[in-house]
């Protein structure tokens, strides 16, 4: 299984949409694909509405993205968490690391501020 990644630019914000499961098999490749979006002062919206499952390896990938964003003064917002992914991230404290938005429209509106 793979995670499909598609991206587009909305103004100065990169929107990265993921689809699939983020697990030990897919997280390494995903990390390599996500990190280039996190540049100095960048704004990145990671749309997880197409992600139904995230494992500890997937959480590690997101943690690495978060740390890179901190180093480069970038903003990463997670969008569209399904109930299961939200639960896992809440139970592990990962929601505290990221800005969270329910949908892309509200996330884009906040990104423009």
C-alpha atoms as a PDB file:
ATOM      1  CA  UNK A   1       0.000   0.000   0.000  1.00  0.00           C
ATOM      2  CA  UNK A   2       1.133   3.534  -0.710  1.00  0.00           C
ATOM      3  CA  UNK A   3       0.207   7.021   0.324  1.00  0.00           C
ATOM      4  CA  UNK A   4      -0.743   9.176  -2.623  1.00  0.00           C
ATOM      5  CA  UNK A   5       0.433  12.772  -2.405  1.00  0.00           C
ATOM      6  CA  UNK A   6      -0.815  15.633  -4.529  1.00  0.00           C
ATOM      7  CA  UNK A   7       0.049  19.269  -4.100  1.00  0.00           C
ATOM      8  CA  UNK A   8      -0.936  22.692  -5.279  1.00  0.00           C
ATOM      9  CA  UNK A   9      -0.198  26.280  -4.359  1.00  0.00           C
ATOM     10  CA  UNK A  10      -2.832  28.681  -3.076  1.00  0.00           C
ATOM     11  CA  UNK A  11      -1.244  32.128  -2.941  1.00  0.00           C
ATOM     12  CA  UNK A  12       1.812  31.655  -0.741  1.00  0.00           C
ATOM     13  CA  UNK A  13       0.517  28.459   0.868  1.00  0.00           C
ATOM     14  CA  UNK A  14       1.351  24.920  -0.213  1.00  0.00           C
ATOM     15  CA  UNK A  15      -1.575  22.523   0.045  1.00  0.00           C
ATOM     16  CA  UNK A  16      -0.456  18.897   0.271  1.00  0.00           C
ATOM     17  CA  UNK A  17      -3.235  16.311   0.105  1.00  0.00           C
ATOM     18  CA  UNK A  18      -2.561  12.764   1.297  1.00  0.00           C
ATOM     19  CA  UNK A  19      -4.611   9.667   0.593  1.00  0.00           C
ATOM     20  CA  UNK A  20      -4.122   6.201   2.062  1.00  0.00           C
ATOM     21  CA  UNK A  21      -2.682   4.796   5.273  1.00  0.00           C
ATOM     22  CA  UNK A  22       0.410   6.204   6.959  1.00  0.00           C
ATOM     23  CA  UNK A  23       2.225   3.252   8.484  1.00  0.00           C
ATOM     24  CA  UNK A  24       5.719   1.761   8.767  1.00  0.00           C
ATOM     25  CA  UNK A  25       5.669   0.796   5.093  1.00  0.00           C
ATOM     26  CA  UNK A  26       4.631   4.197   3.759  1.00  0.00           C
ATOM     27  CA  UNK A  27       6.046   6.686   6.269  1.00  0.00           C
ATOM     28  CA  UNK A  28       9.643   6.789   5.010  1.00  0.00           C
ATOM     29  CA  UNK A  29       8.669   7.690   1.474  1.00  0.00           C
ATOM     30  CA  UNK A  30       6.097  10.146   2.738  1.00  0.00           C
ATOM     31  CA  UNK A  31       8.684  11.896   4.878  1.00  0.00           C
ATOM     32  CA  UNK A  32      10.945  12.335   1.854  1.00  0.00           C
ATOM     33  CA  UNK A  33       8.036  13.813  -0.100  1.00  0.00           C
ATOM     34  CA  UNK A  34       6.757  16.127   2.656  1.00  0.00           C
ATOM     35  CA  UNK A  35       9.979  17.727   3.889  1.00  0.00           C
ATOM     36  CA  UNK A  36      10.722  19.705   0.692  1.00  0.00           C
ATOM     37  CA  UNK A  37       7.484  21.655   1.220  1.00  0.00           C
ATOM     38  CA  UNK A  38       8.756  22.954   4.579  1.00  0.00           C
ATOM     39  CA  UNK A  39      11.049  25.847   3.751  1.00  0.00           C
ATOM     40  CA  UNK A  40      12.084  28.990   5.580  1.00  0.00           C
ATOM     41  CA  UNK A  41       8.930  30.890   6.530  1.00  0.00           C
ATOM     42  CA  UNK A  42       6.699  28.620   4.448  1.00  0.00           C
ATOM     43  CA  UNK A  43       3.045  27.858   5.102  1.00  0.00           C
ATOM     44  CA  UNK A  44       1.957  24.285   4.492  1.00  0.00           C
ATOM     45  CA  UNK A  45      -1.500  22.771   4.815  1.00  0.00           C
ATOM     46  CA  UNK A  46      -1.412  18.981   5.038  1.00  0.00           C
ATOM     47  CA  UNK A  47      -4.847  17.684   4.053  1.00  0.00           C
ATOM     48  CA  UNK A  48      -5.366  14.383   5.856  1.00  0.00           C
ATOM     49  CA  UNK A  49      -9.034  13.979   4.939  1.00  0.00           C
ATOM     50  CA  UNK A  50      -8.044  11.048   2.705  1.00  0.00           C
ATOM     51  CA  UNK A  51      -6.045   9.314   5.460  1.00  0.00           C
ATOM     52  CA  UNK A  52      -7.941   6.637   7.373  1.00  0.00           C
ATOM     53  CA  UNK A  53      -5.105   5.327   9.570  1.00  0.00           C
ATOM     54  CA  UNK A  54      -1.849   6.532  11.084  1.00  0.00           C
ATOM     55  CA  UNK A  55       0.623   4.361  12.995  1.00  0.00           C
ATOM     56  CA  UNK A  56       3.425   5.340  15.347  1.00  0.00           C
ATOM     57  CA  UNK A  57       5.748   5.454  12.321  1.00  0.00           C
ATOM     58  CA  UNK A  58       3.388   7.959  10.724  1.00  0.00           C
ATOM     59  CA  UNK A  59       3.354  10.036  13.891  1.00  0.00           C
ATOM     60  CA  UNK A  60       7.144  10.027  13.813  1.00  0.00           C
ATOM     61  CA  UNK A  61       7.048  11.351  10.252  1.00  0.00           C
ATOM     62  CA  UNK A  62       4.753  14.183  11.297  1.00  0.00           C
ATOM     63  CA  UNK A  63       7.010  14.926  14.273  1.00  0.00           C
ATOM     64  CA  UNK A  64      10.003  15.262  11.942  1.00  0.00           C
ATOM     65  CA  UNK A  65       7.985  17.630   9.736  1.00  0.00           C
ATOM     66  CA  UNK A  66       7.025  19.638  12.849  1.00  0.00           C
ATOM     67  CA  UNK A  67      10.642  19.890  14.008  1.00  0.00           C
ATOM     68  CA  UNK A  68      11.798  21.021  10.570  1.00  0.00           C
ATOM     69  CA  UNK A  69       9.055  23.657  10.561  1.00  0.00           C
ATOM     70  CA  UNK A  70      10.218  24.941  13.950  1.00  0.00           C
ATOM     71  CA  UNK A  71      13.807  25.193  12.713  1.00  0.00           C
ATOM     72  CA  UNK A  72      12.768  27.128   9.614  1.00  0.00           C
ATOM     73  CA  UNK A  73      10.058  29.313  11.182  1.00  0.00           C
ATOM     74  CA  UNK A  74       7.443  27.624   8.994  1.00  0.00           C
ATOM     75  CA  UNK A  75       3.777  26.943   9.741  1.00  0.00           C
ATOM     76  CA  UNK A  76       2.271  23.494   9.242  1.00  0.00           C
ATOM     77  CA  UNK A  77      -1.465  23.003   9.636  1.00  0.00           C
ATOM     78  CA  UNK A  78      -3.157  19.606   9.590  1.00  0.00           C
ATOM     79  CA  UNK A  79      -6.556  19.610   7.921  1.00  0.00           C
ATOM     80  CA  UNK A  80      -9.499  17.207   7.856  1.00  0.00           C
ATOM     81  CA  UNK A  81      -8.532  14.629  10.464  1.00  0.00           C
ATOM     82  CA  UNK A  82     -10.917  11.674  10.485  1.00  0.00           C
ATOM     83  CA  UNK A  83     -12.160  10.480  13.854  1.00  0.00           C
ATOM     84  CA  UNK A  84      -9.594   7.675  14.190  1.00  0.00           C
ATOM     85  CA  UNK A  85      -6.599   9.808  13.229  1.00  0.00           C
ATOM     86  CA  UNK A  86      -7.809  12.603  15.515  1.00  0.00           C
ATOM     87  CA  UNK A  87      -8.164  10.130  18.388  1.00  0.00           C
ATOM     88  CA  UNK A  88      -4.644   8.717  17.911  1.00  0.00           C
ATOM     89  CA  UNK A  89      -3.112  12.173  17.683  1.00  0.00           C
ATOM     90  CA  UNK A  90      -5.059  13.393  20.698  1.00  0.00           C
ATOM     91  CA  UNK A  91      -4.180  10.368  22.839  1.00  0.00           C
ATOM     92  CA  UNK A  92      -0.475  10.750  22.057  1.00  0.00           C
ATOM     93  CA  UNK A  93      -0.369  14.531  22.508  1.00  0.00           C
ATOM     94  CA  UNK A  94       0.431  15.214  18.858  1.00  0.00           C
ATOM     95  CA  UNK A  95      -2.440  17.663  18.437  1.00  0.00           C
ATOM     96  CA  UNK A  96      -0.454  20.087  20.593  1.00  0.00           C
ATOM     97  CA  UNK A  97       2.328  20.260  17.983  1.00  0.00           C
ATOM     98  CA  UNK A  98       0.212  21.445  15.059  1.00  0.00           C
ATOM     99  CA  UNK A  99      -2.429  23.914  14.094  1.00  0.00           C
ATOM    100  CA  UNK A 100      -5.565  21.908  13.282  1.00  0.00           C
ATOM    101  CA  UNK A 101      -8.355  22.874  10.888  1.00  0.00           C
ATOM    102  CA  UNK A 102     -11.580  21.081  10.079  1.00  0.00           C
ATOM    103  CA  UNK A 103     -11.541  21.907   6.376  1.00  0.00           C
ATOM    104  CA  UNK A 104      -9.372  23.474   3.680  1.00  0.00           C
ATOM    105  CA  UNK A 105     -11.427  26.645   3.328  1.00  0.00           C
ATOM    106  CA  UNK A 106     -11.025  27.626   6.982  1.00  0.00           C
ATOM    107  CA  UNK A 107      -7.352  26.606   6.936  1.00  0.00           C
ATOM    108  CA  UNK A 108      -6.657  28.729   3.851  1.00  0.00           C
ATOM    109  CA  UNK A 109      -8.475  31.665   5.410  1.00  0.00           C
ATOM    110  CA  UNK A 110      -6.290  31.400   8.546  1.00  0.00           C
ATOM    111  CA  UNK A 111      -3.123  30.935   6.464  1.00  0.00           C
ATOM    112  CA  UNK A 112      -3.712  34.281   4.755  1.00  0.00           C
ATOM    113  CA  UNK A 113      -3.556  36.115   8.087  1.00  0.00           C
END
